[in-house]
Amino acid sequence: MEILQNIKEIVTKNSPEKALEKLEPIIEGLRDSDNFNSGGEAPLAAALAEKGKLLWKLGEKASAISCYEASAQTDPDGPGALLLEHSRKIMDFFDPNQLNP
């Protein structure tokens, strides 16, 4: 639970660029640990989902979708799976022919 709170704090108190910088070592550390903690939460999946949200805000949609996919693979019932589904629907909806010239 402490890791998840730390991740939320990093995301809310920093710019997207700075938050990404601070999240990267946490994500690397979580890759070496178990996917689920004693409370049944998946901190790696949550961290990857948050990283994806930050990348999406920065306009890096392909990288964001990759993070959502990694999060969904880690925890199929976690937030990354839902974000992946939503982002795919958004990308499917995009039609350049409907843009104003």
C-alpha atoms as a PDB file:
ATOM      1  CA  MET A   1       0.000   0.000   0.000  1.00  0.00           C
ATOM      2  CA  GLU A   2       2.880   2.353   0.784  1.00  0.00           C
ATOM      3  CA  ILE A   3       4.305   1.950  -2.719  1.00  0.00           C
ATOM      4  CA  LEU A   4       0.953   2.785  -4.297  1.00  0.00           C
ATOM      5  CA  GLN A   5       0.611   5.896  -2.145  1.00  0.00           C
ATOM      6  CA  ASN A   6       4.140   6.936  -3.081  1.00  0.00           C
ATOM      7  CA  ILE A   7       3.331   6.522  -6.777  1.00  0.00           C
ATOM      8  CA  LYS A   8       0.166   8.630  -6.475  1.00  0.00           C
ATOM      9  CA  GLU A   9       2.089  11.307  -4.600  1.00  0.00           C
ATOM     10  CA  ILE A  10       4.785  11.438  -7.284  1.00  0.00           C
ATOM     11  CA  VAL A  11       2.186  11.780 -10.028  1.00  0.00           C
ATOM     12  CA  THR A  12       0.122  14.468  -8.323  1.00  0.00           C
ATOM     13  CA  LYS A  13       2.966  16.639  -7.017  1.00  0.00           C
ATOM     14  CA  ASN A  14       5.191  16.742 -10.105  1.00  0.00           C
ATOM     15  CA  SER A  15       5.022  17.718 -13.737  1.00  0.00           C
ATOM     16  CA  PRO A  16       4.551  14.756 -16.092  1.00  0.00           C
ATOM     17  CA  GLU A  17       8.201  14.906 -17.141  1.00  0.00           C
ATOM     18  CA  LYS A  18       9.513  14.990 -13.564  1.00  0.00           C
ATOM     19  CA  ALA A  19       7.047  12.303 -12.455  1.00  0.00           C
ATOM     20  CA  LEU A  20       8.272   9.997 -15.231  1.00  0.00           C
ATOM     21  CA  GLU A  21      11.837  10.557 -14.076  1.00  0.00           C
ATOM     22  CA  LYS A  22      10.925   9.642 -10.501  1.00  0.00           C
ATOM     23  CA  LEU A  23       8.753   6.658 -11.465  1.00  0.00           C
ATOM     24  CA  GLU A  24      11.388   4.900 -13.555  1.00  0.00           C
ATOM     25  CA  PRO A  25      13.571   3.682 -10.627  1.00  0.00           C
ATOM     26  CA  ILE A  26      10.453   2.544  -8.761  1.00  0.00           C
ATOM     27  CA  ILE A  27       9.280   0.552 -11.773  1.00  0.00           C
ATOM     28  CA  GLU A  28      12.711  -1.030 -12.216  1.00  0.00           C
ATOM     29  CA  GLY A  29      12.741  -2.013  -8.536  1.00  0.00           C
ATOM     30  CA  LEU A  30       9.261  -3.509  -8.797  1.00  0.00           C
ATOM     31  CA  ARG A  31      10.232  -5.595 -11.836  1.00  0.00           C
ATOM     32  CA  ASP A  32      12.591  -7.543  -9.581  1.00  0.00           C
ATOM     33  CA  SER A  33       9.951  -8.229  -6.903  1.00  0.00           C
ATOM     34  CA  ASP A  34       6.723 -10.221  -6.789  1.00  0.00           C
ATOM     35  CA  ASN A  35       3.877  -8.916  -8.944  1.00  0.00           C
ATOM     36  CA  PHE A  36       1.397  -8.915  -6.066  1.00  0.00           C
ATOM     37  CA  ASN A  37       1.909  -7.701  -2.509  1.00  0.00           C
ATOM     38  CA  SER A  38       0.368  -9.206   0.635  1.00  0.00           C
ATOM     39  CA  GLY A  39      -2.777  -7.096   0.175  1.00  0.00           C
ATOM     40  CA  GLY A  40      -3.422  -8.627  -3.248  1.00  0.00           C
ATOM     41  CA  GLU A  41      -2.471  -5.392  -5.027  1.00  0.00           C
ATOM     42  CA  ALA A  42      -0.158  -5.296  -8.014  1.00  0.00           C
ATOM     43  CA  PRO A  43       2.134  -2.289  -7.540  1.00  0.00           C
ATOM     44  CA  LEU A  44       4.055  -2.916 -10.774  1.00  0.00           C
ATOM     45  CA  ALA A  45       0.827  -2.906 -12.783  1.00  0.00           C
ATOM     46  CA  ALA A  46      -0.297   0.297 -11.057  1.00  0.00           C
ATOM     47  CA  ALA A  47       3.070   1.982 -11.667  1.00  0.00           C
ATOM     48  CA  LEU A  48       3.042   1.012 -15.339  1.00  0.00           C
ATOM     49  CA  ALA A  49      -0.530   2.303 -15.703  1.00  0.00           C
ATOM     50  CA  GLU A  50       0.463   5.635 -14.138  1.00  0.00           C
ATOM     51  CA  LYS A  51       3.510   5.833 -16.406  1.00  0.00           C
ATOM     52  CA  GLY A  52       1.210   5.249 -19.363  1.00  0.00           C
ATOM     53  CA  LYS A  53      -1.124   8.046 -18.262  1.00  0.00           C
ATOM     54  CA  LEU A  54       1.813  10.439 -18.012  1.00  0.00           C
ATOM     55  CA  LEU A  55       3.096   9.450 -21.443  1.00  0.00           C
ATOM     56  CA  TRP A  56      -0.397   9.927 -22.894  1.00  0.00           C
ATOM     57  CA  LYS A  57      -0.510  13.448 -21.411  1.00  0.00           C
ATOM     58  CA  LEU A  58       2.807  14.175 -23.110  1.00  0.00           C
ATOM     59  CA  GLY A  59       1.419  13.016 -26.463  1.00  0.00           C
ATOM     60  CA  GLU A  60       3.449   9.804 -26.574  1.00  0.00           C
ATOM     61  CA  LYS A  61       0.453   7.597 -27.270  1.00  0.00           C
ATOM     62  CA  ALA A  62       2.346   4.579 -28.627  1.00  0.00           C
ATOM     63  CA  SER A  63       4.579   4.440 -25.554  1.00  0.00           C
ATOM     64  CA  ALA A  64       1.538   4.902 -23.322  1.00  0.00           C
ATOM     65  CA  ILE A  65      -0.248   1.980 -24.961  1.00  0.00           C
ATOM     66  CA  SER A  66       2.882  -0.152 -24.505  1.00  0.00           C
ATOM     67  CA  CYS A  67       2.827   0.655 -20.773  1.00  0.00           C
ATOM     68  CA  TYR A  68      -0.875  -0.211 -20.581  1.00  0.00           C
ATOM     69  CA  GLU A  69      -0.157  -3.535 -22.312  1.00  0.00           C
ATOM     70  CA  ALA A  70       2.651  -4.342 -19.876  1.00  0.00           C
ATOM     71  CA  SER A  71       0.403  -3.397 -16.965  1.00  0.00           C
ATOM     72  CA  ALA A  72      -2.434  -5.587 -18.286  1.00  0.00           C
ATOM     73  CA  GLN A  73      -0.040  -8.530 -18.693  1.00  0.00           C
ATOM     74  CA  THR A  74       1.104  -8.120 -15.094  1.00  0.00           C
ATOM     75  CA  ASP A  75      -2.440  -7.820 -13.716  1.00  0.00           C
ATOM     76  CA  PRO A  76      -5.233  -8.631 -16.195  1.00  0.00           C
ATOM     77  CA  ASP A  77      -7.840  -7.256 -13.787  1.00  0.00           C
ATOM     78  CA  GLY A  78      -5.890  -4.095 -12.957  1.00  0.00           C
ATOM     79  CA  PRO A  79      -6.124  -0.522 -14.165  1.00  0.00           C
ATOM     80  CA  GLY A  80      -3.865  -1.070 -17.168  1.00  0.00           C
ATOM     81  CA  ALA A  81      -6.346  -3.446 -18.800  1.00  0.00           C
ATOM     82  CA  LEU A  82      -9.117  -0.859 -18.690  1.00  0.00           C
ATOM     83  CA  LEU A  83      -6.805   1.921 -19.888  1.00  0.00           C
ATOM     84  CA  LEU A  84      -5.638  -0.308 -22.741  1.00  0.00           C
ATOM     85  CA  GLU A  85      -9.212  -0.993 -23.789  1.00  0.00           C
ATOM     86  CA  HIS A  86     -10.117   2.714 -23.685  1.00  0.00           C
ATOM     87  CA  SER A  87      -7.008   3.817 -25.564  1.00  0.00           C
ATOM     88  CA  ARG A  88      -7.615   1.238 -28.293  1.00  0.00           C
ATOM     89  CA  LYS A  89     -11.177   2.521 -28.706  1.00  0.00           C
ATOM     90  CA  ILE A  90      -9.862   6.076 -28.952  1.00  0.00           C
ATOM     91  CA  MET A  91      -7.295   5.071 -31.555  1.00  0.00           C
ATOM     92  CA  ASP A  92      -9.926   3.123 -33.539  1.00  0.00           C
ATOM     93  CA  PHE A  93     -12.218   6.160 -33.527  1.00  0.00           C
ATOM     94  CA  PHE A  94      -9.594   8.466 -35.022  1.00  0.00           C
ATOM     95  CA  ASP A  95     -10.414   9.339 -38.615  1.00  0.00           C
ATOM     96  CA  PRO A  96      -8.212  11.953 -40.333  1.00  0.00           C
ATOM     97  CA  ASN A  97     -10.922  12.477 -42.985  1.00  0.00           C
ATOM     98  CA  GLN A  98     -13.137  14.052 -40.334  1.00  0.00           C
ATOM     99  CA  LEU A  99     -10.598  16.689 -39.347  1.00  0.00           C
ATOM    100  CA  ASN A 100     -11.236  20.278 -40.384  1.00  0.00           C
ATOM    101  CA  PRO A 101      -8.791  21.566 -43.022  1.00  0.00           C
END
